[in-house]
């Protein structure tokens, strides 16, 4: 695990908090008001947060696949349909 991901894990931040922080970093960088050095730091932190979030998503997918496999014996792919937000 990399530094930012370790820092998130140590600070008790999970996927949701990390994703929120990543979104905030992107918004900051898109404004274009940062110095080059600050933008580079934000970018590096963003890469770490993205890696942490991806790791969490893969772990969740693995857990879901295990449950699906155990419950029916056969793993089948299904489309996930989420309710639309109002």
N, C-alpha and C. Protein backbone atom coordinates (compact mmCIF):
# COMPACT_ATOMS: atom_id res chain seq x y z
N UNK A 1 0.85 -1.17 0.00
CA UNK A 1 0.00 0.00 0.00
C UNK A 1 0.90 1.24 0.00
N UNK A 2 0.55 2.25 -0.76
CA UNK A 2 1.35 3.47 -0.86
C UNK A 2 1.08 4.40 0.32
N UNK A 3 1.85 5.49 0.39
CA UNK A 3 1.78 6.42 1.53
C UNK A 3 0.37 6.97 1.76
N UNK A 4 -0.25 7.56 0.72
CA UNK A 4 -1.58 8.16 0.91
C UNK A 4 -2.60 7.09 1.28
N UNK A 5 -2.50 5.94 0.65
CA UNK A 5 -3.42 4.85 0.97
C UNK A 5 -3.20 4.39 2.41
N UNK A 6 -1.93 4.32 2.82
CA UNK A 6 -1.62 3.95 4.20
C UNK A 6 -2.15 5.01 5.14
N UNK A 7 -1.95 6.28 4.78
CA UNK A 7 -2.43 7.38 5.61
C UNK A 7 -3.95 7.30 5.75
N UNK A 8 -4.65 7.00 4.67
CA UNK A 8 -6.11 6.87 4.72
C UNK A 8 -6.51 5.72 5.63
N UNK A 9 -5.82 4.59 5.49
CA UNK A 9 -6.14 3.43 6.31
C UNK A 9 -5.86 3.72 7.78
N UNK A 10 -4.75 4.39 8.06
CA UNK A 10 -4.39 4.71 9.42
C UNK A 10 -5.37 5.72 10.00
N UNK A 11 -5.77 6.70 9.20
CA UNK A 11 -6.69 7.74 9.67
C UNK A 11 -8.12 7.21 9.78
N UNK A 12 -8.34 5.98 9.37
CA UNK A 12 -9.67 5.41 9.46
C UNK A 12 -10.58 5.83 8.33
N UNK A 13 -10.02 6.45 7.31
CA UNK A 13 -10.83 6.85 6.16
C UNK A 13 -11.09 5.65 5.29
N UNK A 14 -12.29 5.54 4.86
CA UNK A 14 -12.66 4.45 3.98
C UNK A 14 -12.85 4.94 2.56
N UNK A 15 -13.56 4.14 1.79
CA UNK A 15 -13.78 4.43 0.39
C UNK A 15 -14.51 5.76 0.19
N UNK A 16 -15.61 5.96 0.90
CA UNK A 16 -16.42 7.16 0.71
C UNK A 16 -15.64 8.44 1.00
N UNK A 17 -14.91 8.43 2.10
CA UNK A 17 -14.12 9.61 2.47
C UNK A 17 -13.02 9.87 1.44
N UNK A 18 -12.38 8.79 1.00
CA UNK A 18 -11.30 8.93 0.02
C UNK A 18 -11.83 9.44 -1.32
N UNK A 19 -12.98 8.93 -1.73
CA UNK A 19 -13.57 9.38 -2.98
C UNK A 19 -13.98 10.85 -2.90
N UNK A 20 -14.53 11.25 -1.77
CA UNK A 20 -14.90 12.66 -1.56
C UNK A 20 -13.66 13.54 -1.64
N UNK A 21 -12.57 13.12 -1.00
CA UNK A 21 -11.33 13.89 -1.04
C UNK A 21 -10.79 13.95 -2.47
N UNK A 22 -10.86 12.85 -3.21
CA UNK A 22 -10.40 12.82 -4.59
C UNK A 22 -11.20 13.80 -5.45
N UNK A 23 -12.51 13.81 -5.27
CA UNK A 23 -13.36 14.74 -6.02
C UNK A 23 -13.00 16.19 -5.70
N UNK A 24 -12.71 16.47 -4.43
CA UNK A 24 -12.33 17.83 -4.03
C UNK A 24 -11.00 18.23 -4.67
N UNK A 25 -10.06 17.29 -4.73
CA UNK A 25 -8.77 17.57 -5.37
C UNK A 25 -8.96 17.90 -6.85
N UNK A 26 -9.79 17.14 -7.51
CA UNK A 26 -10.03 17.37 -8.94
C UNK A 26 -10.63 18.76 -9.15
N UNK A 27 -11.60 19.12 -8.32
CA UNK A 27 -12.20 20.45 -8.44
C UNK A 27 -11.17 21.56 -8.23
N UNK A 28 -10.30 21.38 -7.23
CA UNK A 28 -9.25 22.36 -6.97
C UNK A 28 -8.34 22.52 -8.18
N UNK A 29 -7.94 21.40 -8.73
CA UNK A 29 -7.01 21.43 -9.86
C UNK A 29 -7.68 21.99 -11.12
N UNK A 30 -8.95 21.71 -11.31
CA UNK A 30 -9.66 22.22 -12.48
C UNK A 30 -9.82 23.73 -12.47
N UNK A 31 -9.83 24.33 -11.29
CA UNK A 31 -9.93 25.78 -11.20
C UNK A 31 -8.70 26.46 -11.79
N UNK A 32 -7.57 25.77 -11.80
CA UNK A 32 -6.36 26.30 -12.42
C UNK A 32 -5.69 27.41 -11.64
N UNK A 33 -5.95 27.50 -10.35
CA UNK A 33 -5.39 28.57 -9.53
C UNK A 33 -4.18 28.13 -8.72
N UNK A 34 -3.78 26.89 -8.82
CA UNK A 34 -2.68 26.36 -8.04
C UNK A 34 -1.34 26.64 -8.69
N UNK A 35 -0.31 26.75 -7.87
CA UNK A 35 1.04 26.83 -8.41
C UNK A 35 1.39 25.46 -8.98
N UNK A 36 2.44 25.43 -9.77
CA UNK A 36 2.86 24.15 -10.35
C UNK A 36 3.18 23.14 -9.25
N UNK A 37 3.89 23.59 -8.23
CA UNK A 37 4.28 22.69 -7.14
C UNK A 37 3.05 22.16 -6.40
N UNK A 38 2.10 23.04 -6.12
CA UNK A 38 0.87 22.62 -5.44
C UNK A 38 0.07 21.67 -6.31
N UNK A 39 0.00 21.96 -7.60
CA UNK A 39 -0.73 21.08 -8.52
C UNK A 39 -0.09 19.71 -8.58
N UNK A 40 1.23 19.66 -8.56
CA UNK A 40 1.94 18.38 -8.59
C UNK A 40 1.66 17.58 -7.32
N UNK A 41 1.63 18.27 -6.17
CA UNK A 41 1.32 17.60 -4.91
C UNK A 41 -0.11 17.07 -4.92
N UNK A 42 -1.03 17.87 -5.39
CA UNK A 42 -2.44 17.46 -5.44
C UNK A 42 -2.60 16.27 -6.38
N UNK A 43 -1.89 16.32 -7.51
CA UNK A 43 -1.95 15.23 -8.48
C UNK A 43 -1.44 13.93 -7.86
N UNK A 44 -0.31 14.02 -7.16
CA UNK A 44 0.26 12.83 -6.53
C UNK A 44 -0.69 12.25 -5.49
N UNK A 45 -1.29 13.12 -4.70
CA UNK A 45 -2.26 12.66 -3.70
C UNK A 45 -3.47 12.03 -4.38
N UNK A 46 -3.91 12.64 -5.47
CA UNK A 46 -5.05 12.10 -6.22
C UNK A 46 -4.78 10.72 -6.78
N UNK A 47 -3.58 10.52 -7.29
CA UNK A 47 -3.21 9.21 -7.83
C UNK A 47 -3.25 8.17 -6.72
N UNK A 48 -2.74 8.53 -5.55
CA UNK A 48 -2.76 7.62 -4.41
C UNK A 48 -4.18 7.31 -3.96
N UNK A 49 -5.01 8.33 -3.89
CA UNK A 49 -6.40 8.13 -3.50
C UNK A 49 -7.14 7.26 -4.52
N UNK A 50 -6.89 7.49 -5.80
CA UNK A 50 -7.53 6.69 -6.84
C UNK A 50 -7.11 5.22 -6.72
N UNK A 51 -5.83 4.99 -6.43
CA UNK A 51 -5.34 3.62 -6.26
C UNK A 51 -6.01 2.96 -5.05
N UNK A 52 -6.14 3.72 -3.96
CA UNK A 52 -6.80 3.20 -2.75
C UNK A 52 -8.25 2.85 -3.05
N UNK A 53 -8.96 3.74 -3.74
CA UNK A 53 -10.37 3.49 -4.07
C UNK A 53 -10.51 2.28 -4.98
N UNK A 54 -9.63 2.16 -5.96
CA UNK A 54 -9.67 1.01 -6.86
C UNK A 54 -9.43 -0.29 -6.09
N UNK A 55 -8.49 -0.25 -5.16
CA UNK A 55 -8.21 -1.43 -4.33
C UNK A 55 -9.46 -1.82 -3.54
N UNK A 56 -10.14 -0.84 -2.98
CA UNK A 56 -11.35 -1.10 -2.21
C UNK A 56 -12.46 -1.67 -3.09
N UNK A 57 -12.61 -1.13 -4.30
CA UNK A 57 -13.63 -1.64 -5.22
C UNK A 57 -13.35 -3.08 -5.63
N UNK A 58 -12.08 -3.39 -5.89
CA UNK A 58 -11.72 -4.76 -6.27
C UNK A 58 -11.98 -5.73 -5.13
N UNK A 59 -11.68 -5.31 -3.90
CA UNK A 59 -11.94 -6.17 -2.75
C UNK A 59 -13.45 -6.41 -2.58
N UNK A 60 -14.24 -5.37 -2.79
CA UNK A 60 -15.69 -5.50 -2.69
C UNK A 60 -16.23 -6.43 -3.77
N UNK A 61 -15.72 -6.27 -4.98
CA UNK A 61 -16.16 -7.13 -6.09
C UNK A 61 -15.84 -8.58 -5.79
N UNK A 62 -14.66 -8.82 -5.25
CA UNK A 62 -14.26 -10.19 -4.91
C UNK A 62 -15.21 -10.78 -3.86
N UNK A 63 -15.56 -9.97 -2.87
CA UNK A 63 -16.47 -10.44 -1.82
C UNK A 63 -17.86 -10.75 -2.38
N UNK A 64 -18.35 -9.89 -3.27
CA UNK A 64 -19.66 -10.11 -3.88
C UNK A 64 -19.64 -11.37 -4.74
N UNK A 65 -18.58 -11.54 -5.52
CA UNK A 65 -18.48 -12.73 -6.36
C UNK A 65 -18.44 -14.00 -5.51
N UNK A 66 -17.77 -13.93 -4.37
CA UNK A 66 -17.72 -15.10 -3.48
C UNK A 66 -19.11 -15.43 -2.97
N UNK A 67 -19.85 -14.41 -2.57
CA UNK A 67 -21.21 -14.63 -2.06
C UNK A 67 -22.08 -15.22 -3.16
N UNK A 68 -21.98 -14.67 -4.38
CA UNK A 68 -22.78 -15.18 -5.49
C UNK A 68 -22.44 -16.63 -5.78
N UNK A 69 -21.15 -16.93 -5.76
CA UNK A 69 -20.70 -18.28 -6.05
C UNK A 69 -21.20 -19.25 -4.98
N UNK A 70 -21.13 -18.84 -3.73
CA UNK A 70 -21.55 -19.72 -2.64
C UNK A 70 -23.05 -19.93 -2.60
N UNK A 71 -23.82 -18.89 -2.93
CA UNK A 71 -25.26 -19.01 -2.79
C UNK A 71 -25.89 -19.87 -3.88
N UNK A 72 -25.37 -19.80 -5.08
CA UNK A 72 -25.99 -20.56 -6.15
C UNK A 72 -25.10 -21.63 -6.75
N UNK A 73 -23.86 -21.64 -6.37
CA UNK A 73 -22.94 -22.62 -6.92
C UNK A 73 -22.40 -22.25 -8.28
N UNK A 74 -23.10 -21.37 -8.98
CA UNK A 74 -22.67 -20.97 -10.31
C UNK A 74 -22.59 -19.44 -10.34
N UNK A 75 -21.49 -18.95 -10.84
CA UNK A 75 -21.32 -17.51 -10.95
C UNK A 75 -21.86 -17.06 -12.30
N UNK A 76 -22.82 -16.16 -12.28
CA UNK A 76 -23.36 -15.65 -13.52
C UNK A 76 -23.32 -14.13 -13.48
N UNK A 77 -23.14 -13.55 -14.64
CA UNK A 77 -23.04 -12.10 -14.73
C UNK A 77 -24.43 -11.51 -14.90
N UNK A 78 -24.72 -10.48 -14.09
CA UNK A 78 -26.01 -9.81 -14.17
C UNK A 78 -25.76 -8.31 -14.25
N UNK A 79 -26.63 -7.62 -14.95
CA UNK A 79 -26.53 -6.17 -15.04
C UNK A 79 -27.05 -5.56 -13.75
N UNK A 80 -26.28 -4.62 -13.20
CA UNK A 80 -26.68 -3.95 -11.99
C UNK A 80 -27.47 -2.71 -12.39
N UNK A 81 -28.71 -2.64 -11.94
CA UNK A 81 -29.56 -1.50 -12.26
C UNK A 81 -29.81 -0.75 -10.96
N UNK A 82 -29.32 0.48 -10.90
CA UNK A 82 -29.48 1.30 -9.71
C UNK A 82 -30.69 2.20 -9.86
N UNK A 83 -31.36 2.48 -8.77
CA UNK A 83 -32.49 3.41 -8.86
C UNK A 83 -31.99 4.80 -9.24
N UNK A 84 -32.77 5.50 -10.04
CA UNK A 84 -32.36 6.84 -10.48
C UNK A 84 -32.52 7.82 -9.34
N UNK A 85 -31.57 8.75 -9.27
CA UNK A 85 -31.63 9.78 -8.24
C UNK A 85 -32.58 10.86 -8.66
N UNK A 86 -33.28 11.41 -7.68
CA UNK A 86 -34.22 12.49 -7.98
C UNK A 86 -33.56 13.82 -7.91
